[in-house]
Amino acid sequence: MIAACRLDPELGEKLLQNGDIDFVGMTRRLLADPELPNKVAAGKLEDINPCTGCLYCMDVRLHIRRSRCRINANLGRDGNLRSNRRQKLKKVLVIGGGPAGMEAARVAALRGHKVTLLEQEPKTGGLLPLAGDV
């Protein structure tokens, strides 16, 4: 028995331990974070980039475009963003701590730049927490 569709690692593990299922199937969660299985195995659940269930990845597939994900900007680019360190490092200011701002800050930091992220609200995430409540 395989269970899929929005299962997170904790629920999947619980179902496995209870003997309710034999396998946990994941698709969109692995698009959002291809390292998810390694992070689970290492016990680093807090480091997992969560799929928000926005279905953007499915929308672009229906229109026969290259795979894309609103959480994982590196999807379909075979590591180009990570291996693209810059020789001339800059100070980068990102205004807005929503999903796009946080991803821009993350990619700039991976490229070696000194990043400052400014957000007017007490927490980052923009409307992403609201999307998770749906």
N, C-alpha and C. Protein backbone atom coordinates (compact mmCIF):
# COMPACT_ATOMS: atom_id res chain seq x y z
N MET A 1 0.85 -1.17 0.00
CA MET A 1 0.00 0.00 0.00
C MET A 1 0.90 1.24 0.00
N ILE A 2 0.65 2.14 -0.92
CA ILE A 2 1.39 3.40 -1.02
C ILE A 2 0.41 4.54 -0.73
N ALA A 3 0.81 5.45 0.13
CA ALA A 3 0.00 6.64 0.41
C ALA A 3 0.76 7.86 -0.07
N ALA A 4 0.05 8.80 -0.66
CA ALA A 4 0.67 10.02 -1.16
C ALA A 4 -0.30 11.18 -0.96
N CYS A 5 -0.07 12.26 -1.64
CA CYS A 5 -0.93 13.44 -1.63
C CYS A 5 -0.84 14.20 -0.32
N ARG A 6 0.10 15.12 -0.27
CA ARG A 6 0.27 16.06 0.84
C ARG A 6 0.71 15.41 2.15
N LEU A 7 1.23 14.20 2.11
CA LEU A 7 1.78 13.60 3.32
C LEU A 7 3.08 14.30 3.67
N ASP A 8 3.23 14.70 4.92
CA ASP A 8 4.52 15.23 5.36
C ASP A 8 5.32 14.08 5.99
N PRO A 9 6.61 14.28 6.24
CA PRO A 9 7.42 13.18 6.77
C PRO A 9 6.91 12.63 8.11
N GLU A 10 6.40 13.51 8.99
CA GLU A 10 5.93 13.04 10.29
C GLU A 10 4.71 12.12 10.15
N LEU A 11 3.72 12.54 9.36
CA LEU A 11 2.53 11.73 9.17
C LEU A 11 2.87 10.45 8.43
N GLY A 12 3.72 10.55 7.43
CA GLY A 12 4.14 9.35 6.69
C GLY A 12 4.80 8.34 7.62
N GLU A 13 5.68 8.81 8.49
CA GLU A 13 6.35 7.92 9.43
C GLU A 13 5.36 7.28 10.39
N LYS A 14 4.41 8.07 10.86
CA LYS A 14 3.39 7.54 11.78
C LYS A 14 2.59 6.43 11.10
N LEU A 15 2.17 6.65 9.86
CA LEU A 15 1.41 5.64 9.13
C LEU A 15 2.24 4.39 8.88
N LEU A 16 3.53 4.56 8.59
CA LEU A 16 4.42 3.41 8.41
C LEU A 16 4.55 2.62 9.71
N GLN A 17 4.79 3.32 10.81
CA GLN A 17 4.97 2.67 12.11
C GLN A 17 3.70 1.92 12.55
N ASN A 18 2.54 2.49 12.23
CA ASN A 18 1.28 1.83 12.58
C ASN A 18 0.95 0.65 11.68
N GLY A 19 1.70 0.47 10.61
CA GLY A 19 1.44 -0.61 9.67
C GLY A 19 0.28 -0.30 8.72
N ASP A 20 -0.15 0.96 8.68
CA ASP A 20 -1.26 1.34 7.80
C ASP A 20 -0.84 1.39 6.33
N ILE A 21 0.43 1.67 6.07
CA ILE A 21 0.94 1.75 4.70
C ILE A 21 2.31 1.07 4.64
N ASP A 22 2.76 0.78 3.41
CA ASP A 22 4.07 0.18 3.21
C ASP A 22 5.08 1.17 2.65
N PHE A 23 4.58 2.17 1.92
CA PHE A 23 5.44 3.16 1.29
C PHE A 23 4.80 4.54 1.39
N VAL A 24 5.65 5.57 1.49
CA VAL A 24 5.18 6.95 1.44
C VAL A 24 5.57 7.49 0.07
N GLY A 25 4.59 7.96 -0.69
CA GLY A 25 4.87 8.55 -2.00
C GLY A 25 4.87 10.07 -1.90
N MET A 26 5.87 10.69 -2.48
CA MET A 26 5.95 12.16 -2.49
C MET A 26 6.37 12.62 -3.88
N THR A 27 5.71 13.66 -4.36
CA THR A 27 6.09 14.25 -5.63
C THR A 27 6.38 15.73 -5.44
N ARG A 28 5.34 16.51 -5.17
CA ARG A 28 5.51 17.96 -5.05
C ARG A 28 6.46 18.34 -3.91
N ARG A 29 6.43 17.60 -2.81
CA ARG A 29 7.34 17.91 -1.71
C ARG A 29 8.79 17.73 -2.15
N LEU A 30 9.05 16.77 -3.04
CA LEU A 30 10.41 16.57 -3.52
C LEU A 30 10.80 17.61 -4.57
N LEU A 31 9.83 18.18 -5.26
CA LEU A 31 10.13 19.29 -6.16
C LEU A 31 10.54 20.51 -5.34
N ALA A 32 9.83 20.76 -4.24
CA ALA A 32 10.13 21.91 -3.39
C ALA A 32 11.47 21.73 -2.68
N ASP A 33 11.80 20.50 -2.28
CA ASP A 33 13.07 20.23 -1.60
C ASP A 33 13.57 18.83 -1.97
N PRO A 34 14.41 18.75 -3.00
CA PRO A 34 14.93 17.44 -3.42
C PRO A 34 15.76 16.75 -2.34
N GLU A 35 16.25 17.50 -1.37
CA GLU A 35 17.05 16.94 -0.29
C GLU A 35 16.19 16.44 0.87
N LEU A 36 14.87 16.48 0.73
CA LEU A 36 13.97 16.08 1.81
C LEU A 36 14.31 14.71 2.40
N PRO A 37 14.51 13.66 1.61
CA PRO A 37 14.82 12.36 2.22
C PRO A 37 16.12 12.38 3.05
N ASN A 38 17.13 13.09 2.56
CA ASN A 38 18.39 13.19 3.29
C ASN A 38 18.21 13.96 4.59
N LYS A 39 17.40 15.02 4.56
CA LYS A 39 17.15 15.81 5.76
C LYS A 39 16.37 14.99 6.78
N VAL A 40 15.41 14.19 6.33
CA VAL A 40 14.66 13.32 7.24
C VAL A 40 15.61 12.30 7.86
N ALA A 41 16.44 11.67 7.04
CA ALA A 41 17.37 10.66 7.54
C ALA A 41 18.35 11.25 8.56
N ALA A 42 18.72 12.51 8.37
CA ALA A 42 19.66 13.18 9.29
C ALA A 42 18.94 13.79 10.49
N GLY A 43 17.61 13.68 10.53
CA GLY A 43 16.86 14.25 11.64
C GLY A 43 16.77 15.77 11.61
N LYS A 44 16.92 16.35 10.42
CA LYS A 44 16.89 17.81 10.27
C LYS A 44 15.56 18.26 9.65
N LEU A 45 14.46 17.89 10.28
CA LEU A 45 13.14 18.21 9.75
C LEU A 45 12.90 19.71 9.65
N GLU A 46 13.50 20.49 10.55
CA GLU A 46 13.31 21.94 10.52
C GLU A 46 13.98 22.60 9.32
N ASP A 47 14.88 21.89 8.65
CA ASP A 47 15.58 22.43 7.48
C ASP A 47 14.84 22.16 6.17
N ILE A 48 13.75 21.43 6.22
CA ILE A 48 13.01 21.07 5.01
C ILE A 48 12.28 22.29 4.47
N ASN A 49 12.44 22.56 3.17
CA ASN A 49 11.69 23.61 2.50
C ASN A 49 10.32 23.03 2.16
N PRO A 50 9.26 23.53 2.79
CA PRO A 50 7.96 22.88 2.64
C PRO A 50 7.24 23.25 1.34
N CYS A 51 6.60 22.27 0.75
CA CYS A 51 5.69 22.51 -0.36
C CYS A 51 4.45 23.19 0.22
N THR A 52 4.02 24.27 -0.39
CA THR A 52 2.85 25.00 0.12
C THR A 52 1.55 24.53 -0.53
N GLY A 53 1.65 23.62 -1.48
CA GLY A 53 0.43 23.14 -2.13
C GLY A 53 -0.19 24.15 -3.07
N CYS A 54 0.62 25.10 -3.57
CA CYS A 54 0.06 26.15 -4.44
C CYS A 54 -0.28 25.64 -5.84
N LEU A 55 0.26 24.47 -6.20
CA LEU A 55 0.03 23.82 -7.50
C LEU A 55 0.64 24.55 -8.69
N TYR A 56 1.54 25.49 -8.45
CA TYR A 56 2.22 26.18 -9.54
C TYR A 56 2.98 25.18 -10.41
N CYS A 57 3.61 24.19 -9.78
CA CYS A 57 4.37 23.19 -10.53
C CYS A 57 3.46 22.42 -11.49
N MET A 58 2.25 22.14 -11.07
CA MET A 58 1.31 21.42 -11.93
C MET A 58 0.77 22.33 -13.04
N ASP A 59 0.57 23.60 -12.72
CA ASP A 59 0.07 24.55 -13.72
C ASP A 59 1.05 24.68 -14.88
N VAL A 60 2.35 24.82 -14.59
CA VAL A 60 3.31 24.98 -15.68
C VAL A 60 3.44 23.68 -16.48
N ARG A 61 3.27 22.54 -15.83
CA ARG A 61 3.33 21.27 -16.55
C ARG A 61 2.15 21.13 -17.49
N LEU A 62 0.98 21.60 -17.08
CA LEU A 62 -0.20 21.53 -17.95
C LEU A 62 -0.02 22.38 -19.19
N HIS A 63 0.78 23.43 -19.09
CA HIS A 63 1.04 24.31 -20.23
C HIS A 63 2.34 23.95 -20.94
N ILE A 64 2.84 22.75 -20.68
CA ILE A 64 4.03 22.18 -21.32
C ILE A 64 5.21 23.15 -21.26
N ARG A 65 5.50 23.60 -20.06
CA ARG A 65 6.66 24.45 -19.81
C ARG A 65 7.64 23.70 -18.93
N ARG A 66 8.85 24.25 -18.83
CA ARG A 66 9.88 23.67 -17.97
C ARG A 66 9.37 23.65 -16.53
N SER A 67 9.69 22.58 -15.80
CA SER A 67 9.27 22.47 -14.40
C SER A 67 9.75 23.66 -13.60
N ARG A 68 8.84 24.18 -12.78
CA ARG A 68 9.15 25.31 -11.92
C ARG A 68 8.44 25.12 -10.59
N CYS A 69 8.98 25.78 -9.58
CA CYS A 69 8.41 25.69 -8.24
C CYS A 69 8.57 27.04 -7.56
N ARG A 70 7.54 27.50 -6.88
CA ARG A 70 7.62 28.78 -6.18
C ARG A 70 8.49 28.72 -4.95
N ILE A 71 8.75 27.53 -4.42
CA ILE A 71 9.61 27.38 -3.26
C ILE A 71 11.05 27.12 -3.67
N ASN A 72 11.26 26.31 -4.70
CA ASN A 72 12.59 25.90 -5.13
C ASN A 72 12.94 26.54 -6.47
N ALA A 73 13.60 27.68 -6.42
CA ALA A 73 13.97 28.40 -7.64
C ALA A 73 14.98 27.63 -8.47
N ASN A 74 15.64 26.65 -7.89
CA ASN A 74 16.66 25.89 -8.59
C ASN A 74 16.09 24.71 -9.38
N LEU A 75 14.80 24.45 -9.24
CA LEU A 75 14.18 23.31 -9.91
C LEU A 75 14.38 23.39 -11.43
N GLY A 76 14.92 22.32 -11.99
CA GLY A 76 15.12 22.24 -13.43
C GLY A 76 16.35 22.97 -13.93
N ARG A 77 17.16 23.48 -13.03
CA ARG A 77 18.35 24.22 -13.46
C ARG A 77 19.64 23.47 -13.16
N ASP A 78 19.52 22.27 -12.66
CA ASP A 78 20.68 21.40 -12.40
C ASP A 78 21.79 22.06 -11.61
N GLY A 79 21.43 22.77 -10.57
CA GLY A 79 22.42 23.34 -9.66
C GLY A 79 23.06 24.63 -10.12
N ASN A 80 22.57 25.26 -11.18
CA ASN A 80 23.18 26.49 -11.68
C ASN A 80 23.25 27.59 -10.63
N LEU A 81 22.23 27.74 -9.81
CA LEU A 81 22.22 28.82 -8.83
C LEU A 81 23.26 28.60 -7.75
N ARG A 82 23.45 27.36 -7.33
CA ARG A 82 24.40 27.09 -6.26
C ARG A 82 25.84 27.21 -6.74
N SER A 83 26.12 26.79 -7.96
CA SER A 83 27.50 26.77 -8.44
C SER A 83 27.91 28.11 -9.05
N ASN A 84 27.04 29.08 -9.00
CA ASN A 84 27.27 30.35 -9.67
C ASN A 84 27.80 31.41 -8.71
N ARG A 85 28.87 31.08 -7.95
CA ARG A 85 29.46 32.05 -7.03
C ARG A 85 30.12 33.17 -7.82
N ARG A 86 29.99 34.36 -7.33
CA ARG A 86 30.52 35.54 -7.99
C ARG A 86 31.93 35.87 -7.50
N GLN A 87 32.75 36.38 -8.39
CA GLN A 87 34.09 36.84 -8.02
C GLN A 87 34.02 38.16 -7.26
N LYS A 88 33.21 39.09 -7.79
CA LYS A 88 33.06 40.40 -7.15
C LYS A 88 31.83 40.34 -6.25
N LEU A 89 32.08 40.30 -4.95
CA LEU A 89 30.98 40.19 -4.00
C LEU A 89 30.41 41.57 -3.71
N LYS A 90 29.10 41.61 -3.48
CA LYS A 90 28.40 42.86 -3.25
C LYS A 90 27.62 42.79 -1.95
N LYS A 91 27.20 43.96 -1.49
CA LYS A 91 26.24 44.04 -0.40
C LYS A 91 24.87 44.09 -1.07
N VAL A 92 23.99 43.18 -0.69
CA VAL A 92 22.67 43.07 -1.30
C VAL A 92 21.61 43.37 -0.25
N LEU A 93 20.70 44.27 -0.58
CA LEU A 93 19.58 44.60 0.30
C LEU A 93 18.31 44.06 -0.34
N VAL A 94 17.62 43.19 0.37
CA VAL A 94 16.35 42.64 -0.09
C VAL A 94 15.26 43.22 0.81
N ILE A 95 14.29 43.87 0.20
CA ILE A 95 13.20 44.47 0.96
C ILE A 95 11.96 43.61 0.77
N GLY A 96 11.50 43.04 1.86
CA GLY A 96 10.32 42.18 1.84
C GLY A 96 10.70 40.75 2.15
N GLY A 97 10.17 40.24 3.24
CA GLY A 97 10.50 38.89 3.68
C GLY A 97 9.44 37.87 3.34
N GLY A 98 8.75 38.07 2.22
CA GLY A 98 7.82 37.05 1.74
C GLY A 98 8.61 35.95 1.06
N PRO A 99 7.92 34.97 0.46
CA PRO A 99 8.62 33.86 -0.19
C PRO A 99 9.63 34.31 -1.25
N ALA A 100 9.27 35.27 -2.09
CA ALA A 100 10.19 35.72 -3.14
C ALA A 100 11.40 36.44 -2.55
N GLY A 101 11.16 37.29 -1.56
CA GLY A 101 12.26 38.00 -0.92
C GLY A 101 13.22 37.05 -0.21
N MET A 102 12.65 36.08 0.50
CA MET A 102 13.51 35.12 1.20
C MET A 102 14.31 34.29 0.22
N GLU A 103 13.71 33.91 -0.90
CA GLU A 103 14.43 33.13 -1.91
C GLU A 103 15.52 33.96 -2.56
N ALA A 104 15.23 35.23 -2.86
CA ALA A 104 16.25 36.12 -3.43
C ALA A 104 17.42 36.27 -2.47
N ALA A 105 17.13 36.42 -1.19
CA ALA A 105 18.18 36.55 -0.18
C ALA A 105 18.99 35.26 -0.09
N ARG A 106 18.32 34.13 -0.13
CA ARG A 106 19.01 32.84 -0.04
C ARG A 106 19.96 32.63 -1.22
N VAL A 107 19.47 32.91 -2.43
CA VAL A 107 20.29 32.71 -3.62
C VAL A 107 21.48 33.67 -3.62
N ALA A 108 21.24 34.93 -3.24
CA ALA A 108 22.35 35.89 -3.18
C ALA A 108 23.40 35.44 -2.17
N ALA A 109 22.96 34.91 -1.04
CA ALA A 109 23.91 34.42 -0.03
C ALA A 109 24.69 33.22 -0.56
N LEU A 110 24.00 32.31 -1.28
CA LEU A 110 24.70 31.17 -1.86
C LEU A 110 25.77 31.60 -2.86
N ARG A 111 25.52 32.73 -3.51
CA ARG A 111 26.50 33.25 -4.47
C ARG A 111 27.63 34.01 -3.78
N GLY A 112 27.56 34.10 -2.46
CA GLY A 112 28.65 34.70 -1.71
C GLY A 112 28.46 36.14 -1.31
N HIS A 113 27.36 36.76 -1.69
CA HIS A 113 27.13 38.17 -1.36
C HIS A 113 26.77 38.33 0.11
N LYS A 114 27.01 39.52 0.66
CA LYS A 114 26.59 39.86 2.02
C LYS A 114 25.16 40.38 1.92
N VAL A 115 24.22 39.69 2.52
CA VAL A 115 22.80 39.96 2.33
C VAL A 115 22.17 40.53 3.60
N THR A 116 21.36 41.56 3.41
CA THR A 116 20.51 42.09 4.47
C THR A 116 19.07 41.97 3.98
N LEU A 117 18.22 41.36 4.81
CA LEU A 117 16.81 41.18 4.47
C LEU A 117 15.99 42.03 5.43
N LEU A 118 15.18 42.93 4.88
CA LEU A 118 14.32 43.80 5.69
C LEU A 118 12.86 43.42 5.49
N GLU A 119 12.14 43.32 6.61
CA GLU A 119 10.72 43.00 6.57
C GLU A 119 10.03 43.88 7.61
N GLN A 120 8.93 44.53 7.23
CA GLN A 120 8.23 45.44 8.15
C GLN A 120 7.42 44.70 9.21
N GLU A 121 7.01 43.48 8.93
CA GLU A 121 6.23 42.70 9.88
C GLU A 121 7.16 42.02 10.89
N PRO A 122 6.62 41.60 12.04
CA PRO A 122 7.45 40.94 13.05
C PRO A 122 8.00 39.58 12.60
N LYS A 123 7.32 38.94 11.62
CA LYS A 123 7.75 37.64 11.13
C LYS A 123 7.90 37.68 9.62
N THR A 124 8.82 36.86 9.11
CA THR A 124 8.94 36.71 7.66
C THR A 124 7.90 35.70 7.18
N GLY A 125 7.74 35.61 5.88
CA GLY A 125 6.82 34.64 5.30
C GLY A 125 5.72 35.24 4.45
N GLY A 126 5.49 36.55 4.61
CA GLY A 126 4.44 37.18 3.81
C GLY A 126 3.11 36.47 3.99
N LEU A 127 2.47 36.14 2.88
CA LEU A 127 1.18 35.44 2.92
C LEU A 127 1.34 33.91 2.95
N LEU A 128 2.60 33.44 2.97
CA LEU A 128 2.82 32.00 2.97
C LEU A 128 2.17 31.29 4.15
N PRO A 129 2.25 31.80 5.38
CA PRO A 129 1.55 31.10 6.47
C PRO A 129 0.05 30.98 6.21
N LEU A 130 -0.55 31.98 5.60
CA LEU A 130 -1.96 31.92 5.25
C LEU A 130 -2.23 30.79 4.25
N ALA A 131 -1.34 30.64 3.29
CA ALA A 131 -1.50 29.57 2.29
C ALA A 131 -1.42 28.19 2.94
N GLY A 132 -0.62 28.08 3.99
CA GLY A 132 -0.48 26.81 4.70
C GLY A 132 -1.70 26.44 5.51
N ASP A 133 -2.57 27.41 5.80
CA ASP A 133 -3.78 27.15 6.57
C ASP A 133 -4.92 26.63 5.72
N VAL A 134 -4.76 26.66 4.40
CA VAL A 134 -5.85 26.27 3.51
C VAL A 134 -6.08 24.78 3.56
